[in-house]
Amino acid sequence: MPKFEECLERLEKIVAELEKGDVPLDRALQLFDEGMKLSGSCRKELEDAEGKVEILLKRNGKLQPEPFEPANDATK
């Protein structure tokens, strides 16, 4: 299974290719399918990491885990 960084890099390439707009439909569907699989893999890895961080924070006893709220970075 590819590492998180590799998945993210590939997802960025897929998005760039799809944004060009001149991709044939069959290729676009292949890219979309690959992107969805990569997205799921990244999401699972992030959820696993979040769980590990919460466990570490609970073991410390001094810090309380707080729900992670991603920053809205839609202005790229």
N, C-alpha and C. Protein backbone atom coordinates (compact mmCIF):
# COMPACT_ATOMS: atom_id res chain seq x y z
N MET A 1 0.85 -1.19 0.00
CA MET A 1 0.00 0.00 0.00
C MET A 1 0.89 1.25 0.00
N PRO A 2 0.60 2.21 -0.88
CA PRO A 2 1.42 3.42 -0.93
C PRO A 2 1.31 4.22 0.36
N LYS A 3 2.34 4.98 0.64
CA LYS A 3 2.34 5.81 1.83
C LYS A 3 1.43 7.02 1.61
N PHE A 4 1.05 7.66 2.71
CA PHE A 4 0.14 8.79 2.67
C PHE A 4 0.63 9.87 1.71
N GLU A 5 1.90 10.23 1.82
CA GLU A 5 2.45 11.29 0.99
C GLU A 5 2.39 10.93 -0.49
N GLU A 6 2.64 9.65 -0.81
CA GLU A 6 2.58 9.20 -2.19
C GLU A 6 1.14 9.26 -2.72
N CYS A 7 0.20 8.86 -1.88
CA CYS A 7 -1.21 8.92 -2.27
C CYS A 7 -1.64 10.36 -2.53
N LEU A 8 -1.24 11.24 -1.64
CA LEU A 8 -1.62 12.64 -1.78
C LEU A 8 -1.01 13.25 -3.04
N GLU A 9 0.23 12.94 -3.31
CA GLU A 9 0.89 13.44 -4.51
C GLU A 9 0.18 12.95 -5.77
N ARG A 10 -0.18 11.67 -5.79
CA ARG A 10 -0.89 11.11 -6.95
C ARG A 10 -2.26 11.75 -7.10
N LEU A 11 -2.96 11.97 -5.98
CA LEU A 11 -4.26 12.63 -6.03
C LEU A 11 -4.14 14.03 -6.64
N GLU A 12 -3.10 14.76 -6.28
CA GLU A 12 -2.90 16.10 -6.83
C GLU A 12 -2.69 16.03 -8.34
N LYS A 13 -1.96 15.02 -8.81
CA LYS A 13 -1.74 14.86 -10.25
C LYS A 13 -3.04 14.51 -10.97
N ILE A 14 -3.85 13.66 -10.35
CA ILE A 14 -5.14 13.29 -10.93
C ILE A 14 -6.03 14.52 -11.06
N VAL A 15 -6.11 15.30 -10.00
CA VAL A 15 -6.94 16.51 -10.02
C VAL A 15 -6.45 17.46 -11.11
N ALA A 16 -5.15 17.66 -11.21
CA ALA A 16 -4.60 18.55 -12.23
C ALA A 16 -4.97 18.07 -13.63
N GLU A 17 -4.88 16.77 -13.85
CA GLU A 17 -5.20 16.23 -15.17
C GLU A 17 -6.69 16.40 -15.48
N LEU A 18 -7.54 16.14 -14.49
CA LEU A 18 -8.97 16.29 -14.71
C LEU A 18 -9.37 17.76 -14.90
N GLU A 19 -8.68 18.67 -14.23
CA GLU A 19 -9.01 20.09 -14.36
C GLU A 19 -8.67 20.66 -15.73
N LYS A 20 -7.79 20.00 -16.47
CA LYS A 20 -7.46 20.47 -17.81
C LYS A 20 -8.69 20.47 -18.71
N GLY A 21 -9.58 19.51 -18.47
CA GLY A 21 -10.84 19.48 -19.19
C GLY A 21 -10.80 18.81 -20.55
N ASP A 22 -9.64 18.40 -21.03
CA ASP A 22 -9.57 17.78 -22.35
C ASP A 22 -9.30 16.28 -22.25
N VAL A 23 -9.74 15.69 -21.15
CA VAL A 23 -9.53 14.27 -20.90
C VAL A 23 -10.71 13.49 -21.48
N PRO A 24 -10.45 12.46 -22.28
CA PRO A 24 -11.54 11.63 -22.79
C PRO A 24 -12.33 11.01 -21.63
N LEU A 25 -13.60 10.77 -21.87
CA LEU A 25 -14.49 10.27 -20.82
C LEU A 25 -13.99 8.99 -20.17
N ASP A 26 -13.53 8.02 -20.97
CA ASP A 26 -13.08 6.76 -20.37
C ASP A 26 -11.87 6.99 -19.48
N ARG A 27 -10.97 7.87 -19.88
CA ARG A 27 -9.79 8.20 -19.06
C ARG A 27 -10.22 8.94 -17.79
N ALA A 28 -11.17 9.85 -17.93
CA ALA A 28 -11.66 10.60 -16.77
C ALA A 28 -12.28 9.66 -15.74
N LEU A 29 -13.02 8.67 -16.22
CA LEU A 29 -13.62 7.70 -15.30
C LEU A 29 -12.56 6.87 -14.59
N GLN A 30 -11.52 6.48 -15.33
CA GLN A 30 -10.41 5.73 -14.72
C GLN A 30 -9.73 6.57 -13.65
N LEU A 31 -9.47 7.83 -13.97
CA LEU A 31 -8.82 8.72 -13.02
C LEU A 31 -9.69 8.95 -11.78
N PHE A 32 -10.99 9.13 -12.02
CA PHE A 32 -11.91 9.33 -10.90
C PHE A 32 -11.92 8.12 -9.98
N ASP A 33 -11.99 6.93 -10.57
CA ASP A 33 -11.99 5.70 -9.78
C ASP A 33 -10.70 5.58 -8.97
N GLU A 34 -9.57 5.83 -9.61
CA GLU A 34 -8.28 5.77 -8.90
C GLU A 34 -8.24 6.81 -7.78
N GLY A 35 -8.74 8.00 -8.07
CA GLY A 35 -8.76 9.06 -7.06
C GLY A 35 -9.61 8.71 -5.86
N MET A 36 -10.75 8.07 -6.10
CA MET A 36 -11.62 7.68 -4.98
C MET A 36 -10.95 6.63 -4.10
N LYS A 37 -10.25 5.69 -4.73
CA LYS A 37 -9.53 4.67 -3.95
C LYS A 37 -8.41 5.30 -3.13
N LEU A 38 -7.67 6.21 -3.75
CA LEU A 38 -6.58 6.89 -3.04
C LEU A 38 -7.12 7.74 -1.90
N SER A 39 -8.23 8.42 -2.16
CA SER A 39 -8.85 9.25 -1.13
C SER A 39 -9.26 8.41 0.08
N GLY A 40 -9.85 7.24 -0.18
CA GLY A 40 -10.24 6.35 0.91
C GLY A 40 -9.04 5.87 1.71
N SER A 41 -7.96 5.57 1.00
CA SER A 41 -6.74 5.13 1.66
C SER A 41 -6.16 6.24 2.55
N CYS A 42 -6.14 7.46 2.02
CA CYS A 42 -5.63 8.60 2.80
C CYS A 42 -6.51 8.85 4.02
N ARG A 43 -7.82 8.78 3.82
CA ARG A 43 -8.74 9.04 4.93
C ARG A 43 -8.54 8.01 6.04
N LYS A 44 -8.37 6.74 5.67
CA LYS A 44 -8.16 5.69 6.67
C LYS A 44 -6.86 5.93 7.43
N GLU A 45 -5.81 6.30 6.71
CA GLU A 45 -4.53 6.54 7.36
C GLU A 45 -4.62 7.72 8.32
N LEU A 46 -5.35 8.77 7.93
CA LEU A 46 -5.53 9.92 8.82
C LEU A 46 -6.33 9.55 10.06
N GLU A 47 -7.38 8.75 9.88
CA GLU A 47 -8.19 8.32 11.02
C GLU A 47 -7.36 7.47 11.99
N ASP A 48 -6.52 6.60 11.44
CA ASP A 48 -5.65 5.78 12.29
C ASP A 48 -4.68 6.66 13.07
N ALA A 49 -4.10 7.66 12.40
CA ALA A 49 -3.16 8.56 13.06
C ALA A 49 -3.87 9.36 14.14
N GLU A 50 -5.08 9.81 13.87
CA GLU A 50 -5.84 10.58 14.85
C GLU A 50 -6.10 9.73 16.10
N GLY A 51 -6.45 8.46 15.89
CA GLY A 51 -6.68 7.57 17.03
C GLY A 51 -5.43 7.38 17.87
N LYS A 52 -4.29 7.25 17.21
CA LYS A 52 -3.02 7.09 17.94
C LYS A 52 -2.70 8.34 18.75
N VAL A 53 -2.95 9.51 18.17
CA VAL A 53 -2.68 10.77 18.88
C VAL A 53 -3.58 10.87 20.11
N GLU A 54 -4.85 10.50 19.97
CA GLU A 54 -5.76 10.56 21.12
C GLU A 54 -5.30 9.63 22.22
N ILE A 55 -4.84 8.44 21.87
CA ILE A 55 -4.35 7.50 22.87
C ILE A 55 -3.15 8.09 23.60
N LEU A 56 -2.23 8.67 22.85
CA LEU A 56 -1.04 9.27 23.47
C LEU A 56 -1.43 10.42 24.39
N LEU A 57 -2.38 11.23 23.97
CA LEU A 57 -2.81 12.35 24.81
C LEU A 57 -3.48 11.84 26.09
N LYS A 58 -4.26 10.80 25.98
CA LYS A 58 -4.94 10.25 27.16
C LYS A 58 -3.93 9.64 28.13
N ARG A 59 -2.89 9.00 27.59
CA ARG A 59 -1.86 8.40 28.46
C ARG A 59 -1.11 9.46 29.23
N ASN A 60 -0.90 10.60 28.63
CA ASN A 60 -0.18 11.70 29.27
C ASN A 60 -0.95 12.18 30.49
N GLY A 61 -2.26 12.26 30.35
CA GLY A 61 -3.09 12.66 31.49
C GLY A 61 -3.19 14.15 31.68
N LYS A 62 -2.27 14.91 31.13
CA LYS A 62 -2.28 16.35 31.31
C LYS A 62 -3.04 17.06 30.19
N LEU A 63 -3.03 16.45 29.03
CA LEU A 63 -3.69 17.05 27.88
C LEU A 63 -4.96 16.29 27.56
N GLN A 64 -5.95 16.98 27.12
CA GLN A 64 -7.20 16.36 26.73
C GLN A 64 -7.32 16.39 25.22
N PRO A 65 -7.67 15.26 24.61
CA PRO A 65 -7.84 15.27 23.16
C PRO A 65 -9.02 16.15 22.77
N GLU A 66 -8.87 16.90 21.70
CA GLU A 66 -9.95 17.72 21.18
C GLU A 66 -10.22 17.29 19.76
N PRO A 67 -11.46 17.36 19.34
CA PRO A 67 -11.76 16.97 17.96
C PRO A 67 -11.00 17.86 16.99
N PHE A 68 -10.47 17.22 15.97
CA PHE A 68 -9.71 17.95 14.95
C PHE A 68 -10.68 18.60 13.98
N GLU A 69 -10.51 19.89 13.76
CA GLU A 69 -11.33 20.59 12.77
C GLU A 69 -10.40 21.17 11.73
N PRO A 70 -10.44 20.62 10.51
CA PRO A 70 -9.53 21.10 9.47
C PRO A 70 -9.85 22.55 9.09
N ALA A 71 -8.79 23.27 8.77
CA ALA A 71 -8.96 24.66 8.33
C ALA A 71 -9.54 24.64 6.92
N ASN A 72 -10.41 25.58 6.66
CA ASN A 72 -10.95 25.70 5.31
C ASN A 72 -9.91 26.36 4.42
N ASP A 73 -9.38 25.58 3.51
CA ASP A 73 -8.32 26.05 2.63
C ASP A 73 -8.80 26.11 1.19
N ALA A 74 -10.04 26.57 1.02
CA ALA A 74 -10.66 26.56 -0.31
C ALA A 74 -10.21 27.72 -1.17
N THR A 75 -9.35 28.57 -0.64
CA THR A 75 -8.93 29.75 -1.41
C THR A 75 -7.60 29.56 -2.06
N LYS A 76 -7.36 28.39 -2.65
CA LYS A 76 -6.10 28.14 -3.35
C LYS A 76 -6.20 28.57 -4.78
